Amino acid sequence: MAAQSNGEFANPRDRREDIRNLDFNEALHHALMLVQARHPSKFEALASTTFGMRTCPIRNYAMGMPQHNIFTEGAFPEILHWLPELWCLPEENELAKIEALICQPTDLDNPLVKTKENGTLQHSSKQQRDCMRTIFIDEEFKAVSRPVSHARGFIPFCLEHPKLHIVRHIGIVRNLLPALIVQRIDIRDTTIMGSHCLDVMVPWIEETLFLASYGMSVHSFQLRIDGRGTEAAEAWKLLKYVAATQEALLRQRKASGGPLEPRPAPLHYADCLLGVWSLPAGFARMIRDIAERRSMVYYDGEVGELWDEEEFFQQRKDWTDDDWEEDWKVKVTFTEAIATDCWPSIFNKYSNRSEV
């Protein structure tokens, strides 16, 4: 049995809404709950200044300036205890309750899709689910509400029904771009920056390969990356190149005793040294496994040859940090950006609601 995802419009503010550090957010929320339970009155008094029509005492470091509080006075208990599953879309009545607590509601004109791919299973009986064998999910639009994490919602159903197989289709042009908000698209642009490819592709690969740690069988789920078209082929070549770069740079640092940096937050792929540390640990192995068809992620284009680890390293073993940065600038960020004519169609896709 096959099912295709459907969606409805949602209006995110910008790409910061795509929260990458999900585990950190969960840990922080858990810590807040523990503190609130231990000293409820003191904690609520301290937290009260972040609610109501006033300037938030916490500076917005991304913009370097103060920001206004988001929620009204007295909203603290409901906000703290509202913790939907990361993969689950709230019902309209839930959203209405939270929206009623916002200080200054806005209607942002940035239509993206809010996916509902696990709705088929949530609203079906066990008898119906027992008849299912494969569910195909075609992601045709860029989605909000942390779409990379939505596959976690299938885990209970895959555990209940081990023969069920989920295949989720994505593509660099079909649903991943733009990396930034729709209004920033320049329809005259003829390239896709390599760093933007990494912004939109790496989280999907990383999350898929984490599914097993959440209980998903490796035989129950597959993320299929569309390999059709020049943009897809060039994006795949880019993934192989940055994987090889990470592997070589880490090897050089270990051989020289140089520092191994922690993963930055937020992730940043525009510069080499930050970009390499922004990649998941073991990214080279992830890409090799995909190319060798030993992964939950499947690239359905021509995988081509993999890099020779020793040769790639020997050519770069004496590079300075400036050499690494210059190579990244040429190969990833600017000089050899991916040629495309996709921007007018992508802009129209999200600007004209009647097309959805």
Protein backbone atom coordinates (compact mmCIF):
# COMPACT_ATOMS: atom_id res chain seq x y z
CA MET A 1 0.00 0.00 0.00
CA ALA A 2 1.38 3.43 -0.87
CA ALA A 3 0.58 6.85 0.51
CA GLN A 4 1.77 10.26 -0.60
CA SER A 5 2.31 13.07 1.88
CA ASN A 6 0.03 16.03 1.75
CA GLY A 7 0.43 19.40 3.40
CA GLU A 8 -0.93 22.79 4.25
CA PHE A 9 0.66 26.19 4.36
CA ALA A 10 2.64 27.37 7.35
CA ASN A 11 4.46 30.64 7.80
CA PRO A 12 7.92 30.42 9.42
CA ARG A 13 9.82 33.57 10.22
CA ASP A 14 13.16 32.48 8.77
CA ARG A 15 15.52 29.54 8.69
CA ARG A 16 16.41 29.92 12.37
CA GLU A 17 13.08 28.15 12.99
CA ASP A 18 14.78 24.97 11.78
CA ILE A 19 16.26 24.08 15.17
CA ARG A 20 19.24 21.84 14.59
CA ASN A 21 20.31 21.18 18.17
CA LEU A 22 17.27 19.10 19.08
CA ASP A 23 19.02 17.07 21.77
CA PHE A 24 20.29 20.24 23.45
CA ASN A 25 16.78 21.73 23.44
CA GLU A 26 15.37 18.57 25.01
CA ALA A 27 18.07 18.59 27.71
CA LEU A 28 17.52 22.29 28.44
CA HIS A 29 13.76 21.81 28.76
CA HIS A 30 14.28 18.86 31.10
CA ALA A 31 16.60 20.96 33.28
CA LEU A 32 14.04 23.77 33.44
CA MET A 33 11.33 21.32 34.47
CA LEU A 34 13.53 19.99 37.29
CA VAL A 35 14.32 23.48 38.57
CA GLN A 36 10.67 24.53 38.36
CA ALA A 37 9.60 21.45 40.33
CA ARG A 38 12.19 22.10 43.06
CA HIS A 39 11.55 25.83 43.61
CA PRO A 40 8.35 26.69 41.71
CA SER A 41 7.62 30.13 43.15
CA LYS A 42 11.21 31.37 42.94
CA PHE A 43 11.65 30.02 39.42
CA GLU A 44 8.40 31.55 38.17
CA ALA A 45 9.39 34.91 39.68
CA LEU A 46 12.75 34.81 37.90
CA ALA A 47 11.15 33.75 34.62
CA SER A 48 8.36 36.34 34.78
CA THR A 49 10.46 39.09 33.16
CA THR A 50 10.59 37.08 29.94
CA PHE A 51 6.80 37.32 29.62
CA GLY A 52 4.49 40.27 29.01
CA MET A 53 4.63 43.39 26.83
CA ARG A 54 8.18 44.46 27.60
CA THR A 55 11.72 44.13 26.27
CA CYS A 56 13.15 40.68 26.86
CA PRO A 57 16.07 40.73 29.35
CA ILE A 58 17.86 38.13 27.22
CA ARG A 59 19.69 39.81 24.36
CA ASN A 60 19.21 38.54 20.84
CA TYR A 61 22.87 37.83 20.11
CA ALA A 62 22.14 36.86 16.50
CA MET A 63 21.08 40.45 15.83
CA GLY A 64 23.14 42.13 18.56
CA MET A 65 20.14 44.03 19.93
CA PRO A 66 17.27 43.61 22.42
CA GLN A 67 14.07 41.86 21.40
CA HIS A 68 10.51 41.93 22.72
CA ASN A 69 9.01 39.13 24.74
CA ILE A 70 6.99 36.64 22.75
CA PHE A 71 4.31 35.53 25.23
CA THR A 72 1.85 37.36 27.44
CA GLU A 73 1.95 37.78 31.21
CA GLY A 74 0.89 34.60 33.00
CA ALA A 75 1.64 32.29 30.05
CA PHE A 76 4.62 30.69 31.78
CA PRO A 77 3.00 27.45 33.08
CA GLU A 78 1.30 26.59 29.79
CA ILE A 79 4.40 27.33 27.71
CA LEU A 80 6.72 25.34 29.97
CA HIS A 81 4.51 22.27 30.02
CA TRP A 82 3.61 22.27 26.32
CA LEU A 83 6.03 19.76 24.83
CA PRO A 84 4.67 18.06 21.69
CA GLU A 85 6.68 15.34 20.03
CA LEU A 86 9.31 16.80 17.71
CA TRP A 87 7.86 14.92 14.75
CA CYS A 88 4.22 15.61 15.52
CA LEU A 89 2.18 18.47 14.13
CA PRO A 90 -0.08 20.06 16.76
CA GLU A 91 -3.82 19.97 16.23
CA GLU A 92 -5.58 23.23 15.40
CA ASN A 93 -7.03 23.55 18.91
CA GLU A 94 -3.55 23.24 20.41
CA LEU A 95 -2.20 25.90 18.08
CA ALA A 96 -5.10 28.18 18.88
CA LYS A 97 -4.32 27.97 22.63
CA ILE A 98 -0.67 28.86 22.08
CA GLU A 99 -1.42 31.59 19.55
CA ALA A 100 -3.74 33.20 22.09
CA LEU A 101 -0.75 33.64 24.40
CA ILE A 102 1.38 35.56 21.88
CA CYS A 103 1.91 39.24 22.66
CA GLN A 104 1.91 40.54 19.12
CA PRO A 105 0.53 38.02 16.62
CA THR A 106 1.70 38.50 13.02
CA ASP A 107 0.68 37.02 9.70
CA LEU A 108 3.94 36.47 7.85
CA ASP A 109 3.64 36.02 4.11
CA ASN A 110 6.17 33.23 3.60
CA PRO A 111 4.14 30.16 2.59
CA LEU A 112 5.85 26.83 3.09
CA VAL A 113 4.35 23.42 3.65
CA LYS A 114 3.61 21.79 6.97
CA THR A 115 3.97 18.06 6.32
CA LYS A 116 1.58 15.38 7.60
CA GLU A 117 3.22 12.22 6.33
CA ASN A 118 2.55 10.07 9.38
CA GLY A 119 -1.16 10.99 9.43
CA THR A 120 -2.01 7.92 7.34
CA LEU A 121 -0.83 5.64 10.14
CA GLN A 122 -2.09 7.74 13.04
CA HIS A 123 -5.65 7.66 11.73
CA SER A 124 -5.74 4.03 10.60
CA SER A 125 -6.69 0.94 12.58
CA LYS A 126 -4.22 -1.78 13.46
CA GLN A 127 -6.02 -4.09 11.06
CA GLN A 128 -5.45 -1.59 8.25
CA ARG A 129 -1.81 -1.11 9.22
CA ASP A 130 -1.24 -4.87 9.18
CA CYS A 131 -2.12 -4.84 5.47
CA MET A 132 0.47 -2.20 4.65
CA ARG A 133 3.86 -3.21 3.28
CA THR A 134 5.41 -0.07 1.82
CA ILE A 135 4.60 3.61 2.24
CA PHE A 136 6.12 6.02 -0.29
CA ILE A 137 6.40 9.63 0.84
CA ASP A 138 7.15 12.13 -1.92
CA GLU A 139 8.38 15.38 -0.40
CA GLU A 140 7.41 17.88 -3.08
CA PHE A 141 7.66 21.08 -1.04
CA LYS A 142 10.04 22.59 1.45
CA ALA A 143 8.44 22.06 4.85
CA VAL A 144 8.58 23.61 8.30
CA SER A 145 8.17 22.22 11.81
CA ARG A 146 11.55 20.41 11.67
CA PRO A 147 10.71 18.06 8.78
CA VAL A 148 13.97 16.13 9.10
CA SER A 149 12.76 14.77 12.44
CA HIS A 150 9.30 13.67 11.26
CA ALA A 151 10.50 10.16 10.43
CA ARG A 152 10.74 9.50 14.17
CA GLY A 153 6.95 9.40 14.17
CA PHE A 154 7.04 6.17 12.15
CA ILE A 155 9.13 4.27 14.71
CA PRO A 156 6.22 3.00 16.88
CA PHE A 157 4.40 1.74 13.79
CA CYS A 158 7.51 0.05 12.37
CA LEU A 159 8.10 -1.68 15.70
CA GLU A 160 4.45 -2.77 15.76
CA HIS A 161 4.67 -4.03 12.17
CA PRO A 162 8.24 -5.21 11.30
CA LYS A 163 7.28 -5.87 7.66
CA LEU A 164 6.36 -2.23 7.10
CA HIS A 165 8.85 -0.31 4.94
CA ILE A 166 8.91 3.50 4.67
CA VAL A 167 10.54 5.15 1.65
CA ARG A 168 10.88 8.92 1.86
CA HIS A 169 11.87 10.82 -1.31
CA ILE A 170 13.65 14.19 -1.21
CA GLY A 171 15.55 16.28 -3.77
CA ILE A 172 17.79 19.32 -3.82
CA VAL A 173 15.47 21.22 -6.18
CA ARG A 174 12.14 19.52 -5.53
CA ASN A 175 11.88 20.26 -1.79
CA LEU A 176 15.15 21.26 -0.09
CA LEU A 177 15.88 24.67 -1.59
CA PRO A 178 15.82 27.52 -0.81
CA ALA A 179 18.19 27.46 2.16
CA LEU A 180 17.00 30.93 3.13
CA ILE A 181 13.51 32.40 3.14
CA VAL A 182 11.54 32.63 -0.11
CA GLN A 183 11.66 36.44 -0.17
CA ARG A 184 15.46 36.33 -0.46
CA ILE A 185 15.41 34.38 -3.71
CA ASP A 186 16.90 36.31 -6.61
CA ILE A 187 15.26 34.86 -9.71
CA ARG A 188 18.14 36.26 -11.78
CA ASP A 189 20.62 34.06 -9.94
CA THR A 190 22.14 31.27 -12.03
CA THR A 191 23.96 29.33 -9.31
CA ILE A 192 23.46 27.40 -6.09
CA MET A 193 26.12 28.02 -3.46
CA GLY A 194 27.75 24.83 -2.22
CA SER A 195 27.36 25.93 1.39
CA HIS A 196 23.60 26.18 0.85
CA CYS A 197 23.57 22.61 -0.49
CA LEU A 198 25.23 21.48 2.72
CA ASP A 199 22.77 23.54 4.79
CA VAL A 200 19.79 21.72 3.32
CA MET A 201 21.17 18.21 2.66
CA VAL A 202 23.39 17.31 5.61
CA PRO A 203 20.62 17.49 8.29
CA TRP A 204 18.48 14.96 6.37
CA ILE A 205 21.37 12.50 6.05
CA GLU A 206 22.42 12.91 9.67
CA GLU A 207 18.91 12.54 11.10
CA THR A 208 18.20 9.45 9.00
CA LEU A 209 21.33 7.74 10.25
CA PHE A 210 20.35 8.58 13.85
CA LEU A 211 17.00 6.82 13.51
CA ALA A 212 18.47 3.46 14.48
CA SER A 213 19.55 4.92 17.84
CA TYR A 214 15.89 5.85 18.45
CA GLY A 215 14.76 2.28 17.76
CA MET A 216 14.08 2.29 14.01
CA SER A 217 15.15 -0.91 12.25
CA VAL A 218 17.59 -0.26 9.40
CA HIS A 219 15.32 -2.45 7.24
CA SER A 220 12.20 -0.36 7.95
CA PHE A 221 13.18 3.03 6.57
CA GLN A 222 14.99 4.49 3.59
CA LEU A 223 15.70 8.10 2.69
CA ARG A 224 15.94 8.26 -1.11
CA ILE A 225 17.74 11.30 -2.54
CA ASP A 226 16.68 12.22 -6.07
CA GLY A 227 19.71 11.99 -8.36
CA ARG A 228 18.05 13.30 -11.50
CA GLY A 229 19.25 16.54 -13.06
CA THR A 230 22.50 18.45 -13.16
CA GLU A 231 21.93 20.13 -9.79
CA ALA A 232 21.46 16.77 -8.02
CA ALA A 233 24.55 15.27 -9.65
CA GLU A 234 26.71 18.27 -8.75
CA ALA A 235 25.37 18.34 -5.19
CA TRP A 236 26.34 14.67 -4.79
CA LYS A 237 29.86 15.41 -6.06
CA LEU A 238 30.02 18.23 -3.52
CA LEU A 239 29.05 15.88 -0.67
CA LYS A 240 31.85 13.52 -1.67
CA TYR A 241 34.37 16.37 -1.84
CA VAL A 242 33.56 17.86 1.57
CA ALA A 243 33.58 14.35 3.08
CA ALA A 244 37.07 13.79 1.69
CA THR A 245 38.12 17.22 2.95
CA GLN A 246 36.89 16.49 6.47
CA GLU A 247 38.73 13.17 6.48
CA ALA A 248 42.01 14.69 5.22
CA LEU A 249 41.94 17.72 7.52
CA LEU A 250 41.22 15.61 10.59
CA ARG A 251 44.05 13.27 9.64
CA GLN A 252 46.43 16.22 9.24
CA ARG A 253 45.41 17.68 12.60
CA LYS A 254 45.88 14.35 14.39
CA ALA A 255 49.29 13.79 12.78
CA SER A 256 50.51 17.28 13.74
CA GLY A 257 48.90 17.36 17.17
CA GLY A 258 46.75 20.29 16.11
CA PRO A 259 43.46 21.14 17.84
CA LEU A 260 40.26 19.27 17.03
CA GLU A 261 37.49 21.82 17.37
CA PRO A 262 34.02 21.10 18.81
CA ARG A 263 31.02 21.28 16.52
CA PRO A 264 29.93 24.93 16.27
CA ALA A 265 26.44 26.20 16.98
CA PRO A 266 24.92 27.38 14.79
CA LEU A 267 26.40 25.27 12.03
CA HIS A 268 28.32 27.25 9.42
CA TYR A 269 29.38 25.88 6.03
CA ALA A 270 30.60 29.05 4.30
CA ASP A 271 34.19 28.73 5.62
CA CYS A 272 36.35 25.62 5.57
CA LEU A 273 37.48 25.35 9.17
CA LEU A 274 34.00 26.03 10.51
CA GLY A 275 32.43 23.97 7.72
CA VAL A 276 34.51 20.87 8.45
CA TRP A 277 33.66 21.02 12.16
CA SER A 278 29.99 21.64 11.29
CA LEU A 279 29.78 18.32 9.45
CA PRO A 280 28.70 15.31 11.52
CA ALA A 281 31.51 13.22 12.98
CA GLY A 282 32.36 10.44 10.57
CA PHE A 283 30.74 12.17 7.61
CA ALA A 284 33.22 10.54 5.21
CA ARG A 285 32.10 7.09 6.35
CA MET A 286 28.45 8.12 5.94
CA ILE A 287 29.03 9.15 2.32
CA ARG A 288 31.05 6.02 1.56
CA ASP A 289 28.26 3.84 2.95
CA ILE A 290 25.70 5.65 0.80
CA ALA A 291 27.85 5.19 -2.31
CA GLU A 292 28.37 1.50 -1.54
CA ARG A 293 24.63 0.93 -0.92
CA ARG A 294 25.17 0.03 2.74
CA SER A 295 23.11 2.83 4.26
CA MET A 296 19.54 3.82 5.14
CA VAL A 297 20.20 6.74 2.78
CA TYR A 298 20.02 5.90 -0.92
CA TYR A 299 21.23 8.23 -3.68
CA ASP A 300 19.39 7.12 -6.80
CA GLY A 301 21.70 8.80 -9.29
CA GLU A 302 25.10 7.76 -10.63
CA VAL A 303 27.34 7.58 -7.55
CA GLY A 304 30.58 7.69 -9.53
CA GLU A 305 34.00 6.91 -8.13
CA LEU A 306 34.87 7.54 -4.51
CA TRP A 307 37.97 9.50 -3.62
CA ASP A 308 41.26 7.77 -2.85
CA GLU A 309 41.85 8.59 0.81
CA GLU A 310 45.62 8.28 0.68
CA GLU A 311 46.04 10.25 -2.53
CA PHE A 312 43.68 13.01 -1.37
CA PHE A 313 45.59 13.34 1.90
CA GLN A 314 49.08 13.27 0.40
CA GLN A 315 48.18 16.14 -1.92
CA ARG A 316 47.13 18.26 1.08
CA LYS A 317 49.17 17.06 4.05
CA ASP A 318 51.34 20.20 4.12
CA TRP A 319 48.53 22.69 3.63
CA THR A 320 48.17 25.65 5.96
CA ASP A 321 44.83 26.83 7.32
CA ASP A 322 44.83 29.48 4.57
CA ASP A 323 45.26 26.75 1.94
CA TRP A 324 42.28 24.84 3.31
CA GLU A 325 40.17 28.00 3.38
CA GLU A 326 41.08 28.97 -0.18
CA ASP A 327 40.28 25.51 -1.50
CA TRP A 328 36.92 25.52 0.29
CA LYS A 329 36.13 28.95 -1.13
CA VAL A 330 36.82 27.68 -4.66
CA LYS A 331 35.28 24.20 -4.44
CA VAL A 332 32.40 24.75 -2.03
CA THR A 333 31.33 28.31 -1.40
CA PHE A 334 31.73 30.61 -4.38
CA THR A 335 33.93 29.98 -7.39
CA GLU A 336 32.59 26.62 -8.53
CA ALA A 337 28.98 27.13 -7.45
CA ILE A 338 26.46 24.81 -9.09
CA ALA A 339 24.92 26.16 -12.31
CA THR A 340 21.12 26.16 -12.35
CA ASP A 341 18.02 27.74 -13.83
CA CYS A 342 15.77 26.58 -10.98
CA TRP A 343 15.25 29.84 -9.07
CA PRO A 344 12.31 31.30 -11.04
CA SER A 345 10.33 28.05 -10.74
CA ILE A 346 11.14 27.68 -7.03
CA PHE A 347 10.11 31.27 -6.37
CA ASN A 348 6.83 30.80 -8.24
CA LYS A 349 6.20 27.50 -6.49
CA TYR A 350 6.04 29.16 -3.07
CA SER A 351 4.74 32.55 -4.11
CA ASN A 352 1.64 31.25 -5.89
CA ARG A 353 -0.49 29.35 -3.39
CA SER A 354 -2.83 28.12 -6.08
CA GLU A 355 -0.07 25.80 -7.35
CA VAL A 356 -0.17 23.72 -4.17
